[in-house]
Each structure stands twice: as C-alpha cells, then as structure tokens.
Amino acid sequence: IDARNKICIAEPGVTFSDLVRETLKHGLVPFCVPELKTITIGGAVSGCSVESVSYKYGGFHDSCTEYEVITGTGEVIVCSPTERPEIFEMMHGSFGTLGVISKLTFRLTEAKPFVHLTFERYSNLVEYASAIRAHYEKRDVDFMDGIIYGRDMFTLCVGNFTESAPYQHSYERGAPYYKAAQERAEDYLSTYDYFFRYDSDCHWIARNYGLENPILRRLFGKLFLSSTKLLTHAKRLGFIFKNLKPDVIVDVFVPFSRFGDFWSFYEREFNYFPVWIVPYKIAHRYPWIADEFLKGVPDELFIDLAIYGMRQHGRNYYKLLEDELLRVQGMKTLISHNYYDEETFWKIYNKPNYERVKQITDPNNLFRDLYKKTHRLG
C-alpha cells in the first residue's frame, strides 16, 4: 500500500475483507468494495463488481491501473490503459478465458471511520427514479443503493462518511440489514461494517433456509451467518437439493432511460421482492460490449437490478430476463445460468475485440471460449 499516492498493489486472491482491513489502517479504502467479504479482487475484475459508490465510480475494475496477466502460452504480460490497452480493457468480464490475472494495481480513496446512513422512502418508481437522478447529478452523497420491497415500497439507502458516531451498529448478528433498512430512519456503522452489511445474509438468501429466526441468529450465527459459511454449507448439503431448480440469483444492467419500461415487465412477470438496486455509471463504453448493441442508448447511468433467492416455479426465469433485456438493450451478468444461443450472445459481447485479444493471450484456447465457458451447456 502506497498511502502517499493512494495506490495498492496486490495479488488476485486477496479478499475485499482483508484488503479493507489493511487499507483502513492508512485511512484509505478501494473505490468500489463489493458487498460480500470473500469476493476477491481478481474475481471482481474477471467477473463483475458493483456497490453503492458505483453511481460515481462504476465497478472495481474502473479503479485499476495495471494488470499482470499470465497467458495460455506461459508468457507474463503487463497491461494498462497506455501499455497493451487492448488486453487491459478486455480483461474485465472475461471470466478467466483470456488469461490469469496474477497482480493488480489500483487506486484508493480517503475514508473516515464511520458511515451515517439515511433511508429515503418513496411510494412509486417515478419518485424513486427522480431521487436517484437527483443524487447522481448532484453527487451529494458518498454512497447510494436501494432496496425495493414491493410495488409501493421503494427505499433508497444513502450514506456519508463521518468522523464520529453516536453509536455503532453491526449486522453480523441480530436483525438482517435489509429488514432494518425497511424500518429505521437512519443508522451508523463503522466503515468496515458498512461495506459488508449484506454479508451475514448473502443479501436475503438466508431467509430461504430458515436463518432469520432471531434466536437462531444469536445462538448459531457464528456457524452460519456469512457468505462464506452459507456457500460452504450449501456445497456440502447440495446432494439434498440436487433435484430442485436453483434459485434465481442474477444482476441485470438496464439503461436508466429504460428503467421504467423494464420495471413494468419485472412487476408483471416476476413480482418478487426484495430486489437490490445499484445505480452504476459507465464512464466509457466498455470495449467488450458489441459496438451495435447500445446504439441509440444515450445513458451514462445504468441501473443494476439484482435478484437474490427467487424460487423457480415451472418457468425459465433466466430466459425470460434474457429476452426482455434484448428488447430494452440491457445486459445480464454471466454468473448465473445463461441460455443465449451463440449468435445472440455475440450480438451483446464484442466478438472481434475478444478474438483479437484471444489470439494474443490464448491462441491454443487453453482457457476455453467465453460463450462456451459461461453457457449452461458449456
């Protein structure tokens, strides 16, 4: 950590939990801290990353200034916005198919010890979207994300760094954060606890497994309440649920100007709550997006709508999302089941740019093709 120049150099397996603990010793934090403790910095670049600073700074990869990449032929390449930029720009969202990131250099920003949260409530999407737009244009808060609890229950969670706090709340035990955000007017958390406020419940996935009982949370929270523990137990007990359809867990990115249009579809076809809302600024059109896909979309601001733990009932909700996103020119993260046919997939993702870099970093296709690796039959 170079505290003077606000720069960090780290290996890709470093978790955001460990990273934030170290940077806070210098009064600094990463620009974007994904909300689960064991997300790694390399994973945030190879996959995706969003949080409540994304309305100003985008994803974690937008704060990166250099990657060291091990190619499929064993070569070590250093790339940056000025050195091998064609490789640097394509590493985000490549899911390890272009090379293995072995070192990252990224910028840090100043932080204070606490975060003061205020919960703004609205009764309809029009008012809600107007509030998001106002904060986006004014840049008057340090943090902004939201939780929609129902057709007339829209909460915007805005926060600011502060040097002191009248009390210090933590959501590692007790009532989960998403419930408190529905009931409280404000809250104070340490900066570390703020960044990982969703971790103990994996947002609200824990409720699907009966882990919101307050007595259980206090008595057995250390055994179950964290993203790592929930995923570990799910893996061990997977054989019990192997014949069930997996829960819908996915982020979708919709141009802000199409948010209302997409929301009408979501209410009609999904009607599942809560959903997480993260305004996301795309600072520049990412080269991994196909040139024609966002043609006619003027938006710099997108809305990340994240669905967590929705049970599937006889319909392929992932395919429903994919079809609707094509209509509104939105994108779906590839972390979930994907049903795109190959032709449609490459209408969204920039195949010429991808193949150009692939020939440099993985000419023998050791790491597999992005479509084949992320498709449900791949």
Protein backbone atom coordinates (compact mmCIF):
# COMPACT_ATOMS: atom_id res chain seq x y z
CA ILE A 1 0.00 0.00 0.00
CA ASP A 2 1.45 3.34 -1.12
CA ALA A 3 -0.53 5.61 1.20
CA ARG A 4 1.02 8.79 -0.09
CA ASN A 5 0.00 8.19 -3.71
CA LYS A 6 -3.17 6.25 -2.74
CA ILE A 7 -2.23 3.14 -4.69
CA CYS A 8 -2.34 -0.55 -3.80
CA ILE A 9 -0.61 -3.49 -5.48
CA ALA A 10 -1.95 -6.93 -4.58
CA GLU A 11 -2.36 -10.49 -5.76
CA PRO A 12 -5.74 -11.58 -7.17
CA GLY A 13 -6.69 -13.93 -4.32
CA VAL A 14 -6.82 -11.14 -1.75
CA THR A 15 -10.34 -10.84 -0.37
CA PHE A 16 -12.03 -7.48 -0.04
CA SER A 17 -12.44 -8.11 3.68
CA ASP A 18 -8.68 -8.45 4.17
CA LEU A 19 -7.99 -5.61 1.77
CA VAL A 20 -10.28 -3.13 3.53
CA ARG A 21 -8.85 -4.02 6.96
CA GLU A 22 -5.36 -3.15 5.70
CA THR A 23 -6.23 -0.01 3.74
CA LEU A 24 -8.28 1.42 6.63
CA LYS A 25 -5.09 1.45 8.72
CA HIS A 26 -3.98 4.23 6.36
CA GLY A 27 -7.36 5.99 6.27
CA LEU A 28 -7.98 4.66 2.76
CA VAL A 29 -10.37 2.24 1.03
CA PRO A 30 -10.80 0.93 -2.53
CA PHE A 31 -13.11 2.97 -4.72
CA CYS A 32 -15.53 0.04 -5.02
CA VAL A 33 -15.93 -2.64 -2.34
CA PRO A 34 -18.30 -5.47 -3.38
CA GLU A 35 -20.63 -6.37 -0.56
CA LEU A 36 -19.54 -9.91 0.35
CA LYS A 37 -16.38 -10.38 2.42
CA THR A 38 -14.76 -13.19 0.43
CA ILE A 39 -15.12 -11.75 -3.05
CA THR A 40 -11.55 -11.47 -4.33
CA ILE A 41 -10.07 -8.54 -6.17
CA GLY A 42 -9.14 -10.76 -9.11
CA GLY A 43 -12.68 -12.12 -9.23
CA ALA A 44 -14.11 -8.60 -9.20
CA VAL A 45 -12.20 -7.87 -12.41
CA SER A 46 -12.66 -11.22 -14.16
CA GLY A 47 -16.37 -11.24 -13.25
CA CYS A 48 -18.20 -8.12 -12.21
CA SER A 49 -18.44 -5.82 -9.20
CA VAL A 50 -20.96 -3.24 -8.04
CA GLU A 51 -21.70 -1.34 -4.85
CA SER A 52 -23.08 1.89 -3.51
CA VAL A 53 -20.23 4.01 -4.91
CA SER A 54 -20.88 2.68 -8.42
CA TYR A 55 -23.13 5.62 -9.24
CA LYS A 56 -19.96 7.74 -9.24
CA TYR A 57 -17.11 5.32 -9.97
CA GLY A 58 -18.51 2.27 -11.76
CA GLY A 59 -17.01 -1.11 -10.88
CA PHE A 60 -13.80 -2.08 -9.12
CA HIS A 61 -12.08 -2.59 -12.47
CA ASP A 62 -12.64 1.10 -13.26
CA SER A 63 -10.19 1.98 -10.47
CA CYS A 64 -7.50 -0.43 -11.72
CA THR A 65 -4.47 0.99 -13.48
CA GLU A 66 -2.44 -2.13 -14.31
CA TYR A 67 -2.73 -5.91 -14.52
CA GLU A 68 -0.09 -8.59 -14.71
CA VAL A 69 -1.51 -11.43 -16.81
CA ILE A 70 -0.21 -14.97 -17.35
CA THR A 71 -1.19 -16.10 -20.83
CA GLY A 72 -2.15 -19.53 -22.09
CA THR A 73 1.36 -19.93 -23.51
CA GLY A 74 3.05 -19.07 -20.21
CA GLU A 75 4.05 -15.53 -21.12
CA VAL A 76 3.72 -12.80 -18.48
CA ILE A 77 2.19 -9.62 -19.88
CA VAL A 78 1.86 -6.28 -18.11
CA CYS A 79 -1.02 -4.20 -19.43
CA SER A 80 -2.55 -0.83 -18.59
CA PRO A 81 -4.62 1.90 -20.28
CA THR A 82 -1.43 3.00 -22.06
CA GLU A 83 0.53 -0.27 -22.36
CA ARG A 84 -1.22 -3.05 -24.24
CA PRO A 85 -4.57 -1.30 -23.70
CA GLU A 86 -6.41 -3.74 -25.95
CA ILE A 87 -5.65 -6.51 -23.43
CA PHE A 88 -6.23 -4.35 -20.36
CA GLU A 89 -9.72 -3.28 -21.44
CA MET A 90 -10.86 -6.80 -22.29
CA MET A 91 -9.85 -8.48 -19.02
CA HIS A 92 -12.96 -7.26 -17.22
CA GLY A 93 -15.78 -9.75 -17.60
CA SER A 94 -13.60 -12.30 -19.38
CA PHE A 95 -14.08 -14.92 -16.61
CA GLY A 96 -10.53 -16.18 -16.93
CA THR A 97 -10.86 -17.05 -20.62
CA LEU A 98 -8.19 -14.60 -21.81
CA GLY A 99 -5.54 -15.26 -19.17
CA VAL A 100 -4.88 -15.48 -15.45
CA ILE A 101 -4.55 -12.17 -13.65
CA SER A 102 -1.60 -12.55 -11.27
CA LYS A 103 -1.21 -8.98 -9.95
CA LEU A 104 -3.33 -5.84 -9.84
CA THR A 105 -2.54 -2.18 -9.28
CA PHE A 106 -5.46 0.03 -8.32
CA ARG A 107 -6.29 3.41 -6.84
CA LEU A 108 -7.52 4.07 -3.29
CA THR A 109 -9.58 6.91 -1.88
CA GLU A 110 -9.75 8.63 1.50
CA ALA A 111 -12.15 7.28 4.10
CA LYS A 112 -13.45 8.18 7.56
CA PRO A 113 -14.09 5.78 10.46
CA PHE A 114 -17.89 5.71 10.22
CA VAL A 115 -20.76 5.92 7.76
CA HIS A 116 -24.02 7.69 8.54
CA LEU A 117 -26.92 6.09 6.66
CA THR A 118 -30.27 7.70 5.86
CA PHE A 119 -33.17 5.71 4.44
CA GLU A 120 -35.31 7.64 1.96
CA ARG A 121 -38.72 6.12 1.17
CA TYR A 122 -40.91 6.52 -1.91
CA SER A 123 -44.24 5.04 -2.95
CA ASN A 124 -43.71 4.70 -6.69
CA LEU A 125 -40.98 4.20 -9.26
CA VAL A 126 -41.30 7.69 -10.77
CA GLU A 127 -40.42 9.39 -7.48
CA TYR A 128 -37.75 6.81 -6.78
CA ALA A 129 -36.05 7.25 -10.14
CA SER A 130 -36.20 11.03 -9.76
CA ALA A 131 -34.42 10.80 -6.41
CA ILE A 132 -31.72 8.57 -7.92
CA ARG A 133 -31.24 11.02 -10.79
CA ALA A 134 -31.01 13.98 -8.40
CA HIS A 135 -28.30 12.37 -6.24
CA TYR A 136 -26.48 11.22 -9.37
CA GLU A 137 -26.38 14.71 -10.84
CA LYS A 138 -25.53 16.49 -7.59
CA ARG A 139 -23.06 13.81 -6.36
CA ASP A 140 -24.15 14.95 -2.92
CA VAL A 141 -23.73 11.63 -1.06
CA ASP A 142 -20.79 9.26 -0.68
CA PHE A 143 -22.94 6.13 -1.09
CA MET A 144 -26.22 5.28 -2.79
CA ASP A 145 -28.01 1.98 -3.30
CA GLY A 146 -31.58 0.86 -2.83
CA ILE A 147 -33.94 -1.93 -1.85
CA ILE A 148 -37.40 -2.30 -3.36
CA TYR A 149 -39.71 -4.21 -1.00
CA GLY A 150 -42.89 -4.20 -3.07
CA ARG A 151 -44.98 -2.35 -5.61
CA ASP A 152 -45.32 0.68 -3.35
CA MET A 153 -42.26 0.32 -1.07
CA PHE A 154 -39.13 1.88 -2.55
CA THR A 155 -36.19 2.59 -0.21
CA LEU A 156 -33.06 4.49 -1.18
CA CYS A 157 -30.12 3.97 1.19
CA VAL A 158 -27.81 7.00 1.08
CA GLY A 159 -24.72 7.37 3.23
CA ASN A 160 -21.87 9.70 4.03
CA PHE A 161 -18.53 9.24 5.74
CA THR A 162 -18.32 10.78 9.20
CA GLU A 163 -15.56 11.15 11.78
CA SER A 164 -17.73 10.21 14.76
CA ALA A 165 -20.95 8.37 15.52
CA PRO A 166 -23.39 8.42 18.47
CA TYR A 167 -23.49 4.61 18.29
CA GLN A 168 -22.03 1.84 16.16
CA HIS A 169 -24.33 -0.78 14.65
CA SER A 170 -23.27 -4.11 13.13
CA TYR A 171 -25.34 -6.59 11.13
CA GLU A 172 -23.21 -9.66 11.68
CA ARG A 173 -25.83 -10.86 14.20
CA GLY A 174 -29.34 -9.80 15.12
CA ALA A 175 -31.81 -8.48 12.56
CA PRO A 176 -30.50 -8.53 8.98
CA TYR A 177 -29.64 -5.26 7.29
CA TYR A 178 -32.37 -5.38 4.67
CA LYS A 179 -35.05 -5.52 7.39
CA ALA A 180 -33.52 -2.64 9.31
CA ALA A 181 -33.40 -0.57 6.12
CA GLN A 182 -37.15 -1.07 5.85
CA GLU A 183 -37.85 0.00 9.43
CA ARG A 184 -35.21 2.53 10.53
CA ALA A 185 -34.89 6.20 9.59
CA GLU A 186 -31.09 6.26 9.92
CA ASP A 187 -28.16 4.22 11.16
CA TYR A 188 -24.45 4.46 12.00
CA LEU A 189 -21.92 1.77 11.12
CA SER A 190 -18.17 1.51 11.18
CA THR A 191 -16.82 1.86 7.66
CA TYR A 192 -15.78 -1.79 7.61
CA ASP A 193 -19.22 -2.98 8.77
CA TYR A 194 -20.92 -0.72 6.25
CA PHE A 195 -19.07 -2.26 3.33
CA PHE A 196 -20.10 -5.78 4.36
CA ARG A 197 -23.57 -5.05 5.76
CA TYR A 198 -25.17 -7.61 3.40
CA ASP A 199 -22.65 -10.38 4.08
CA SER A 200 -24.26 -12.19 7.00
CA ASP A 201 -27.37 -12.98 4.95
CA CYS A 202 -25.94 -13.02 1.41
CA HIS A 203 -28.44 -10.18 0.99
CA TRP A 204 -31.61 -12.11 1.91
CA ILE A 205 -30.85 -15.59 0.60
CA ALA A 206 -30.54 -16.85 4.20
CA ARG A 207 -34.28 -16.49 4.68
CA ASN A 208 -34.84 -19.38 2.23
CA TYR A 209 -33.17 -21.69 4.74
CA GLY A 210 -34.86 -20.53 7.93
CA LEU A 211 -31.86 -18.50 9.13
CA GLU A 212 -33.72 -15.31 10.04
CA ASN A 213 -35.07 -16.56 13.35
CA PRO A 214 -33.63 -14.09 15.91
CA ILE A 215 -32.86 -16.80 18.47
CA LEU A 216 -31.06 -18.95 15.90
CA ARG A 217 -29.14 -15.92 14.68
CA ARG A 218 -27.85 -15.11 18.14
CA LEU A 219 -27.10 -18.68 19.19
CA PHE A 220 -25.75 -20.13 15.94
CA GLY A 221 -24.87 -17.07 13.90
CA LYS A 222 -21.15 -17.82 14.04
CA LEU A 223 -21.78 -21.17 12.36
CA PHE A 224 -23.99 -20.00 9.51
CA LEU A 225 -24.18 -16.24 9.09
CA SER A 226 -21.71 -15.17 6.45
CA SER A 227 -21.49 -15.51 2.69
CA THR A 228 -18.59 -17.94 3.06
CA LYS A 229 -20.37 -20.20 5.56
CA LEU A 230 -23.66 -20.21 3.68
CA LEU A 231 -21.93 -21.19 0.44
CA THR A 232 -19.79 -23.80 2.18
CA HIS A 233 -22.80 -25.46 3.80
CA ALA A 234 -24.74 -25.26 0.53
CA LYS A 235 -21.93 -27.10 -1.23
CA ARG A 236 -21.76 -29.81 1.43
CA LEU A 237 -25.52 -30.31 1.51
CA GLY A 238 -26.05 -29.92 -2.21
CA PHE A 239 -26.95 -33.57 -2.65
CA ILE A 240 -30.16 -32.95 -0.67
CA PHE A 241 -31.34 -30.31 -3.14
CA LYS A 242 -29.87 -31.69 -6.36
CA ASN A 243 -33.28 -32.31 -7.98
CA LEU A 244 -34.57 -28.81 -7.24
CA LYS A 245 -34.29 -25.96 -9.71
CA PRO A 246 -31.66 -23.48 -8.48
CA ASP A 247 -32.79 -20.17 -7.04
CA VAL A 248 -32.63 -17.19 -9.38
CA ILE A 249 -29.54 -15.18 -8.44
CA VAL A 250 -28.52 -12.64 -11.05
CA ASP A 251 -27.69 -8.99 -11.72
CA VAL A 252 -29.04 -7.20 -14.76
CA PHE A 253 -27.94 -3.80 -16.05
CA VAL A 254 -30.60 -1.59 -17.64
CA PRO A 255 -30.10 1.88 -19.18
CA PHE A 256 -31.59 4.43 -16.80
CA SER A 257 -33.90 5.73 -19.52
CA ARG A 258 -35.38 2.22 -19.87
CA PHE A 259 -35.71 1.56 -16.13
CA GLY A 260 -39.45 2.25 -16.03
CA ASP A 261 -40.07 0.07 -19.07
CA PHE A 262 -38.11 -2.82 -17.59
CA TRP A 263 -39.77 -2.39 -14.19
CA SER A 264 -43.22 -2.84 -15.73
CA PHE A 265 -42.02 -6.17 -17.14
CA TYR A 266 -40.48 -7.16 -13.81
CA GLU A 267 -43.63 -6.47 -11.81
CA ARG A 268 -45.74 -8.37 -14.32
CA GLU A 269 -43.56 -11.44 -14.84
CA PHE A 270 -41.53 -11.75 -11.61
CA ASN A 271 -43.24 -9.82 -8.81
CA TYR A 272 -40.52 -10.99 -6.40
CA PHE A 273 -39.18 -8.83 -3.56
CA PRO A 274 -36.94 -7.51 -2.18
CA VAL A 275 -34.67 -6.62 -5.08
CA TRP A 276 -31.40 -4.74 -4.78
CA ILE A 277 -30.95 -1.57 -6.82
CA VAL A 278 -27.49 -0.16 -7.59
CA PRO A 279 -27.11 2.89 -9.84
CA TYR A 280 -24.00 2.32 -11.99
CA LYS A 281 -22.04 4.84 -14.02
CA ILE A 282 -20.39 3.58 -17.18
CA ALA A 283 -17.56 6.07 -17.55
CA HIS A 284 -16.89 4.99 -21.12
CA ARG A 285 -18.36 2.38 -23.42
CA TYR A 286 -16.54 -0.79 -22.49
CA PRO A 287 -14.77 -2.42 -25.49
CA TRP A 288 -16.18 -5.84 -24.55
CA ILE A 289 -19.70 -4.63 -25.42
CA ALA A 290 -20.59 -5.07 -29.10
CA ASP A 291 -20.48 -1.79 -30.99
CA GLU A 292 -24.06 -2.02 -32.24
CA PHE A 293 -25.66 -3.32 -29.06
CA LEU A 294 -26.02 0.03 -27.27
CA LYS A 295 -26.57 2.04 -30.43
CA GLY A 296 -29.14 4.74 -29.75
CA VAL A 297 -28.75 4.46 -25.96
CA PRO A 298 -27.51 7.82 -24.65
CA ASP A 299 -27.26 6.78 -20.99
CA GLU A 300 -24.10 7.00 -18.93
CA LEU A 301 -26.11 5.87 -15.90
CA PHE A 302 -27.43 2.31 -15.71
CA ILE A 303 -29.46 0.54 -13.03
CA ASP A 304 -28.18 -2.76 -11.70
CA LEU A 305 -31.22 -4.70 -10.53
CA ALA A 306 -30.16 -7.75 -8.53
CA ILE A 307 -32.47 -10.70 -7.86
CA TYR A 308 -31.45 -12.90 -4.93
CA GLY A 309 -33.04 -16.20 -3.94
CA MET A 310 -36.17 -16.26 -6.08
CA ARG A 311 -37.64 -19.75 -6.27
CA GLN A 312 -38.35 -21.01 -9.80
CA HIS A 313 -41.85 -22.33 -10.44
CA GLY A 314 -42.20 -24.05 -13.78
CA ARG A 315 -40.80 -21.20 -15.88
CA ASN A 316 -37.31 -20.43 -17.09
CA TYR A 317 -36.90 -17.02 -15.50
CA TYR A 318 -33.34 -16.64 -16.73
CA LYS A 319 -34.51 -16.94 -20.34
CA LEU A 320 -37.36 -14.51 -19.65
CA LEU A 321 -34.79 -11.98 -18.44
CA GLU A 322 -32.52 -12.50 -21.42
CA ASP A 323 -35.33 -11.91 -23.91
CA GLU A 324 -36.55 -8.77 -22.17
CA LEU A 325 -33.05 -7.35 -21.78
CA LEU A 326 -32.51 -7.63 -25.51
CA ARG A 327 -35.63 -5.53 -26.00
CA VAL A 328 -34.54 -2.74 -23.62
CA GLN A 329 -30.84 -3.00 -24.57
CA GLY A 330 -29.79 -4.20 -21.14
CA MET A 331 -27.18 -6.79 -20.13
CA LYS A 332 -27.21 -9.75 -17.78
CA THR A 333 -24.19 -10.83 -15.78
CA LEU A 334 -22.80 -14.23 -16.73
CA ILE A 335 -22.51 -15.53 -13.18
CA SER A 336 -25.77 -17.46 -13.46
CA HIS A 337 -27.39 -19.93 -15.87
CA ASN A 338 -27.22 -18.50 -19.39
CA TYR A 339 -29.44 -19.61 -22.26
CA TYR A 340 -28.31 -17.36 -25.12
CA ASP A 341 -27.76 -19.03 -28.45
CA GLU A 342 -24.27 -18.28 -29.74
CA GLU A 343 -25.37 -15.80 -32.41
CA THR A 344 -27.36 -13.73 -29.91
CA PHE A 345 -24.56 -13.87 -27.34
CA TRP A 346 -22.09 -12.28 -29.76
CA LYS A 347 -24.57 -9.53 -30.59
CA ILE A 348 -24.11 -8.38 -26.99
CA TYR A 349 -20.42 -9.12 -26.48
CA ASN A 350 -17.78 -7.78 -28.84
CA LYS A 351 -16.56 -10.85 -30.69
CA PRO A 352 -13.95 -9.08 -32.92
CA ASN A 353 -12.29 -7.45 -29.90
CA TYR A 354 -12.48 -10.66 -27.89
CA GLU A 355 -10.97 -12.82 -30.63
CA ARG A 356 -8.23 -10.25 -31.30
CA VAL A 357 -7.04 -10.45 -27.69
CA LYS A 358 -7.65 -14.21 -27.53
CA GLN A 359 -5.14 -14.71 -30.35
CA ILE A 360 -2.54 -12.84 -28.29
CA THR A 361 -3.17 -14.29 -24.84
CA ASP A 362 -4.62 -17.74 -25.50
CA PRO A 363 -4.08 -18.82 -29.13
CA ASN A 364 -4.50 -22.52 -28.26
CA ASN A 365 -7.77 -21.95 -26.40
CA LEU A 366 -6.42 -23.42 -23.16
CA PHE A 367 -8.85 -21.31 -21.12
CA ARG A 368 -11.92 -22.00 -23.29
CA ASP A 369 -14.14 -19.58 -25.14
CA LEU A 370 -16.26 -17.07 -23.17
CA TYR A 371 -19.53 -18.29 -24.63
CA LYS A 372 -18.79 -21.96 -24.09
CA LYS A 373 -17.49 -21.44 -20.56
CA THR A 374 -20.47 -19.41 -19.37
CA HIS A 375 -23.28 -21.11 -21.29
CA ARG A 376 -25.36 -23.58 -19.25
CA LEU A 377 -24.30 -26.46 -21.52
CA GLY A 378 -20.68 -25.38 -21.75
